[in-house]
Every structure is written in C-alpha cells, then in structure tokens.
Amino acid sequence: MFGSAAVNVGCGLRRCRNVTRTIATVISGNKTSQQVRERLRRDVAEMKRRLPGFSPGLVVVQVGDREDSNLYISMKLKAAAQIGLHANLVRLPKTATEDEVLRCIAAVNENPEVHGLIVQLPLDSVHPIDTEKVTNAVAPEKDVDGLSSVNAGKLARGDLRDCFLPCTPSGCMELIATTGGQGRHPGGGGGQGRDGERRLDQRGSRGHRLWHQSHSSSRPSGTRVVGDVHYQSAKERAKFITPVPGGVGPMTVAMLMENTVKSAQQFLKNYRTGNWSVSCKKVKSQKPQPSDTQISHSWPGKPIGQLAKEVGLFPTEVELYGTGRAKVSLGVLKRLDKRPDGKYVVVTGIAPSPLGEGHSTTVLGLAQALGAHMNVSTIACVGQTSSPSSVGIRGGAVGGGYSQVIPIEEVILQPLGDSHAVSTASSLVLDTITAYSLYQCENSEVLFDLLVPLTGGHQTFSPSQLKRLQKLDIVKSDPSTLTNEERRRFVQLDINLKTKADRAVLEGEIRAVLSLSTSPQDLRHRLAKMVVADSQSGEPITIDDLGVSAVLALLLNRALKPCLMQTLEGTPAFLHMAHCSPSVMADKIALKLVGSQGFVVTDTAHGADVGLERFFNITCRSSGLQPDVVVLVATVRALKMHGGGPQIRAGFPLPVQYSQENLTLLVKGCSHLKKQVDNAMIHGLPVIVAVNTFSSSDTEAELELVCNQARQAGVFDAVQCTNWSDGGAGALALAQSVQRAAETRRPFRFLYDLQMPITEKVEKVAQTMYGAKDVELSPKAKDKLDLYIKQGFGSFPVRIAKTHFSLSHDPKMKGVPTDFVLPVADIQANVGAGVLCVLVDTDCPEDPVWPWLRDSNDLYSNSH
C-alpha cells in the first residue's frame, strides 16, 4: 500500500544518465508524521476544551477480512487514538452485497458524530461491487480519503480550499517540504499518484520528480511491504529518499488524521451552537394593516430544515413535519449537557381584559428584535393551541400582526397530534379502570393469568407489577411462588368507581406532567405516580397499579418534544405542550442551543399574580432553572378597566372611554400595575414593563403616564412597544433594555418554603400576591387537606386555581381589591405533577365560557 519515494533536484531519475553519484539524505516519514500527529493532538484537545463532550469521529467501513486490510486499518485506528479521535471499525461480511454496503455508508453519512468516513479498499466480497459507486456514495464533507468524484473534480480545477486532498500525495508533499525544495513534480503509479501530480501541478511545480507506489511480496512468515524503486540504486542518484517501511506510509495515515480533524473543524463551524448565522427577513409594515392570515401568507418562510441547521441542530435531531415544522429530539440536551445556558427571560402581565393584552405577541416581537435586529441568538417559547383557543376571541395564542409564528394555519388548524395523544392517554386510563372494575369480581386466578401471561413457557412480572408487590409488602419476584391470597391482593384493586378521575381533570394533569417533566424517564415516573381513583378502603390507586405507565410514556414521548417553527422574520420559536406554564423541556433545550450569550424568551399564562407565581414556585422548582429578567406586559385599555372603566365584553363594541384619552381612569388603574410589579419584584429579579400600544386609541400622554408610573414603582425600565404593527423593530427598545437587565445578576428567591404547612403556603400566596386578608377552607377542603398530609403530599407546592381577570377570586373586582377572604372550596392532589391544586370558590360572570376560562391550559393572552 505504501512505498518509497525518491526525490532528485533538477532532473528526473528516469531521464538522467550521467549524474554524479551521491548518497541521498533519508527523510523519515515516522519523524515527520509524529510531528503532524502532535499538532493534530493539540488541535483536537482545543476542540474538546472549547466544546466539552465533543470528539471528532472517524469510521472505517471494511468488507471482508483481508489480512493486509486489517494491517492498514489497525494503523489508522491506532493513530486516531493517539491524537484523541473517536474511531470505529464497521466490518461487513464477505457475503455483503452492494446494496448493503451502500446502506451502511448512508447510515454513517447521516451520523453527526462521524466526521470522517473511509471505505477500505479493496472490497473483499463474494458479490460484484462497483468500487467507484461505493466511494462516490461517501458524503463529500466526510470523504477524508479524497477519493470521491466530487473531491477529485474540485482538485482538478484547483479548488483546493474546498476539498479533501488524497492522503498519499499530501503526505509526500509534507515530506518534500522538509527538504526545503521550492519546485516539485510528481511521478509514479496508481490513482493517488496521479492525484498528487494534479495537486503539485496546481502549485506550478518544476524541478523535483517523485515516484511512489507499493506492492507486497508474500513470505512464509507474513507480508513484507516494499517500494516501487530499487532502494540501493535510487539512493545513489536521488538527493532525498524515504525508507520502507517508515517513509510514505506513516505520512499517509497522518494526512488521513489531518483530513478528519479538518472535517470536524468545518462541522463545528457549520453547527456553531450559540453563535448562529440565521437568515432573517425584516418586515415592512403596511397601512392599513392586513389581517394576521394575510400577513402570514406574505412570506412563505424558509424550509424548517434550513432553520434547524442555522440554530445548530443536527439532521438526526429533527423530525420534519412538512416544510414548516419539526419536532426536536430530546437527545440535544445530552449532546449539549456541558454547554452553559443562555439568558432566561420570562414574559408575564397584568390581569387582562377578556380581549387579552398581548403576552405572546410581545414574546415573539421581543425574540424578533433580539434575533433579527440585534443579531443575538434567541428562541421564543410559546404554548401550543388547542381547539377552544384556536377559534377564541383572543386569537390563536401564537402572536399576531407582524409578530407571529408562521405558517398560521399549520399552527392553529393542523396540530401535530400532541393534544390527541393526551386524549388517547386519558381514554386508556379510564378504559383500564373500567376493565379492572368488571374483572375484579371474577376469579382471581383468571385475572392473574390475564395480567401475567405466559411468555416463553413461564410467567414474569413487569417492572410496574414488581412495584405493586413492594407496595403490598410482598417480597417475591417469581409469579409461581405467590399464594392464592397474595394473588388475590395483587389483582383485586377494589376500585371505588365513584372516585374515578374525571376525563377533563385527568387530561389536565397529563398536560401538567408533560410541562414539568425533565426527561423521558421523569415523564414515566410522574405518570406512574398519578392517582386516578381510590379503593373501597380509601387507598389511592395509581397508574402504576393499573400497569399502564410504560404504555402511557410511550404514547406521550413525542408530545414531550418541542416543535420548532419560525416567526414572521425568520427567527426560531418552540411550540410546546403547556398547562398554564412553560414547558421545562422546551426551555432547557432552547437555553442550551442559544449558548451563554443568547436569550430564551418564554411565556407564562395569565398575569403576574397567577401565571408568574406558578412559574416561579412550581415550574422553576421542577426545572432547576433561574430566570434572569421579567417582562411585564400592560396596556392602556386594561389599566383603564382596572381604574373603574366600564365592562369590556368580547364581541361587543368597546365603550367610548377606551377609545378616548382619559388620564383620570388611567391613573387609578396604575395602582393595579404597581401591585403586579410588586408581585414580580418580590422574587428578586429585574422587572421591565412593556406597554403594548394600540395606535388607534392610545395617546402619547397616556403611554408616557403608564411608563412614568411604572418607573415610580421601581422597575428596571418601562418602554413602549409597537411590535404588533412593526414587528421586531417595534420591540427594539424593549430588547435593548432586556439585554442590559440580564447583565445585572440578582439573587432569585421562591415565595415560600416547601416544608411550610399547606395552609401557610396558601395564605402566603393569597396575602402576598392577591392582597387577601385571610383564607377560608370549606369542610371538604379541610378533610382533603388532612388526607393528603397523611398520604405524604404535604411538601408539594400549591397551585391556586382562581380567576385571572382579577387579583381576587371575583372577576368583577378590578384594580387592587383589599379586605377580602379567599374561599377555598376543594383541594386536589396532582401527584404526578407533584402539585396540590387549591380550587377557589368563585362567582362566575355572565360569560357562558367562564367555567372553561377559569383554568384553561392555554390562556395565553396574545391579542394585540
């Protein structure tokens, strides 16, 4: 494979007859290759230092088991290990067909952890294989041997900066460079020799002539590698010569390693996590402004695969859904585990009007301003819609105007199936409960055989069944050893059907579990703990008792993955399954992707008193993440409402007070703004008030009054935003303030300690966040409280389900109500989510959709 090389200055050996006999200087390929390897080792170490967890990868594909091929492969793998490459050998049998070899190459091409791919020649198969077809199947960017037609063509036309050079001639050139010669001309046999001639010709070489080729002669003791010239004769004529072995061979391997390292470096350049090069489109707003659908259709957007690559996602980490959406693999977190998180910005608001005040629109406008206008790596995280909100008065929960996720019809009308998965999961649980209740009166032996069927001639307990045995204090793992009484206890859950979970409640908890889960394993663990009924004796019955936790986890795994889409201006956005709070998985993946200098802008449902409080004290406890900045959205319209303005009803014309300047109402309403600012600041973070402007009704005096009132309340900054009508440009001032605020690191703190008694936690939230005088528990709530304490749920955080239209429990009480008692009607334990839901007794307004609105999972205020 590898031979000797002889170099003569001034004329070729084949042409010179009368030359002075000299003794050639021996050029050591071993010494030069060692120097190259040491340099590459330092390069690899630097890559690993800059990107912990990363390692350049090399794969050698071999067909058959030829001894000479094994020798060369062992040299390559040894060299790779010496410089720190992660190298693997994929050996196919001699019976491998051409199709099997091509499929193997295609799989390696798609593996983002492999940066160099070598097909060891010859292909030792009993079937005919087209060698050229196989070598051309290697992706050009991984063809570190430089044998594909693409690389050969680039070499032929002189495009040396964008191709891999064949390793043998590259090694020869490195050797010639050590002689100090200026002109070079190659010669010799074989494809790599001809490639070397082309390469040297590209450099205008003259004067030196190089021969290299190899063959082997068999001996009883093995194989001896020799050169293509007679060594003793050549060294008397040439000025420089390489020995065999120890000449060109080690250099060929060294150049192969160099090509692999270069490929890895280019890969990192293309997938620079946190240092993106996202192609964006800055919008040009029209007057009068078109509808959201018309705006969405004004630009088709770029292929989602392109956006995925721009933000540093590998092809294997995205599942494409058409050209506009893609699910993102949870494996991204493992790959970027050691990468520092970006800046974490949470957007909340005041208690809204029934029309919404623009949470999601502000989230997306801010993300567009940071990403498209300030060139900062930024991802917006917003919740997926479900059918009620997609036709609601407040829009589709994915922004609006020139700050929206596109394509709008795919977001709202063509969901990815996550909601359907939740519905299917709840149906499975309810059907299993019904099946158990029907069979639990039957013979326990029959039911036992149904639950523990014969597999391979014997019965075996599943992991969830083993947990049930532990719960029953039955210390056995072999089904055949259980007594009749133990079998009866195992199969008969004695379900009290009156306590069976309601479908809506069950779906709500599944959504909450999806929002709070930190991994697929955590998802399964949380699902297993969900209490779905009680036994006749009052014992909680979990999904694990039903034996369906593994099936549910499998069904819901895809719903755990965030969906990558794009904003109108081309910046990335994650849509996720949410339940009144951001998705932990979506935010975690986003924070890793943007890198330490990037931003993740996430949305919370409802106002600061409800959504932000839950986010801080429930979601952040689950995720372990700490936000950096709070953005609080307010509108002149909603503040006038809190100042005593007339009732706002969806579908009816706005009263005149909201379309004309009224500073008196606005000043009174700003007391509500100050209270919500206090609610945000109590957790220790800098707060920025974003005043979402309505150009058709808000006056400059009103907008300036709101900003001044916010600054008097102690916020970091207060700015006006016009992102609904101007896109990212309309949130540029907000983005600049957010960037400054993120640099002021402040200690984050929770509102209460988990070890506090449950009643004290409820009182802390009610009195601090709502302004309540006291909390009153109904007899039912007190009984539930005692039960949950006995069952060990006393350390759960509390989630108070109340109206988000008011600080109090009564949606009619606007402004800053005081001297009211918060009435608690019931308490429910969402064990899977790890939360105690405190249900407030409230008087519903006349709006018939109020029962749904009170605690909907996707009430993201997103209207302009």
Foldseek 3Di string as FASTA:
>chain_A
DWAKKFKAFFDDPVPDDDDAWDFAAAQFLQVLLVVLLVVLLVLQVVVCVVAPLAAQEEEEEAEADDPVLVVLVVLLVVSCVSSGHHYDYHYHYLADDQVNLLVVLVVLQQDLNYQAYHYGPDHNHPYDYDPLVNLQSHDQLRDLQQPHPVQLVCLQVPVVVPGHQHLLLVLVVSRVVVVVDDAAAEDEDDPSSVSSRSNSVSVVHDGMYMYWDWDWDADPVGIAIYTPDDVVVSSRRGRYMYDPPRGSSSSSSSSSSVSSSVSVVVSCVQQVFQQFDFQWAFDDFDPVGDWQQVLQVVDVFFFVVVQCSRLRHRPVQWDDDPRFKTFGHLCLCVSLVPFFFAAEEEEFAFLFAPQFFAQLQLQQLLQCLCCVVVVAAEAEEWAQADQVQCPDNLHGRAFFAQRGFPPPCCRRPNDPCLLVLLLVLLVVLVVLVVVLVVPLPDQLVVQLCVQFPDDPRATFDDPLLVVLCVVVVNPDGGVVPDDSVRSSVLRRQQFDVVFFADSVVSSLLLLLLLQLAPDLVLSLVLQQQFFGTAHPVGHTDGVSSSVCSVVSSVSNVSLSTWMWGATSTRRIYTYHRFFQAGRLSVSSSSRSRSGHHHYYYYYGFFHLLAGVLCCQAQRCVSNVDDHAEYEYEDEQQRLLVLLPDDHDDRPDDDPPPQQEDDVNSNVSSCLSVLLSVQSVCVQWHAYEYEYEYDVRRDDPVSQVVSQVSVVVSPHLGYDYADCSRRRNVRCNVVSVSVSVRSVPDTHGHHQDALPDFPLVLVQSSLCRSLVEPEEAEDPQAVVVSVVCVVVPLRSFHEREQAASCHSARENVNHRRDHHHYFYFHHWDDRSSSSYIYTYTDYDFDPPPCRVCNRRPRRNGRRHD
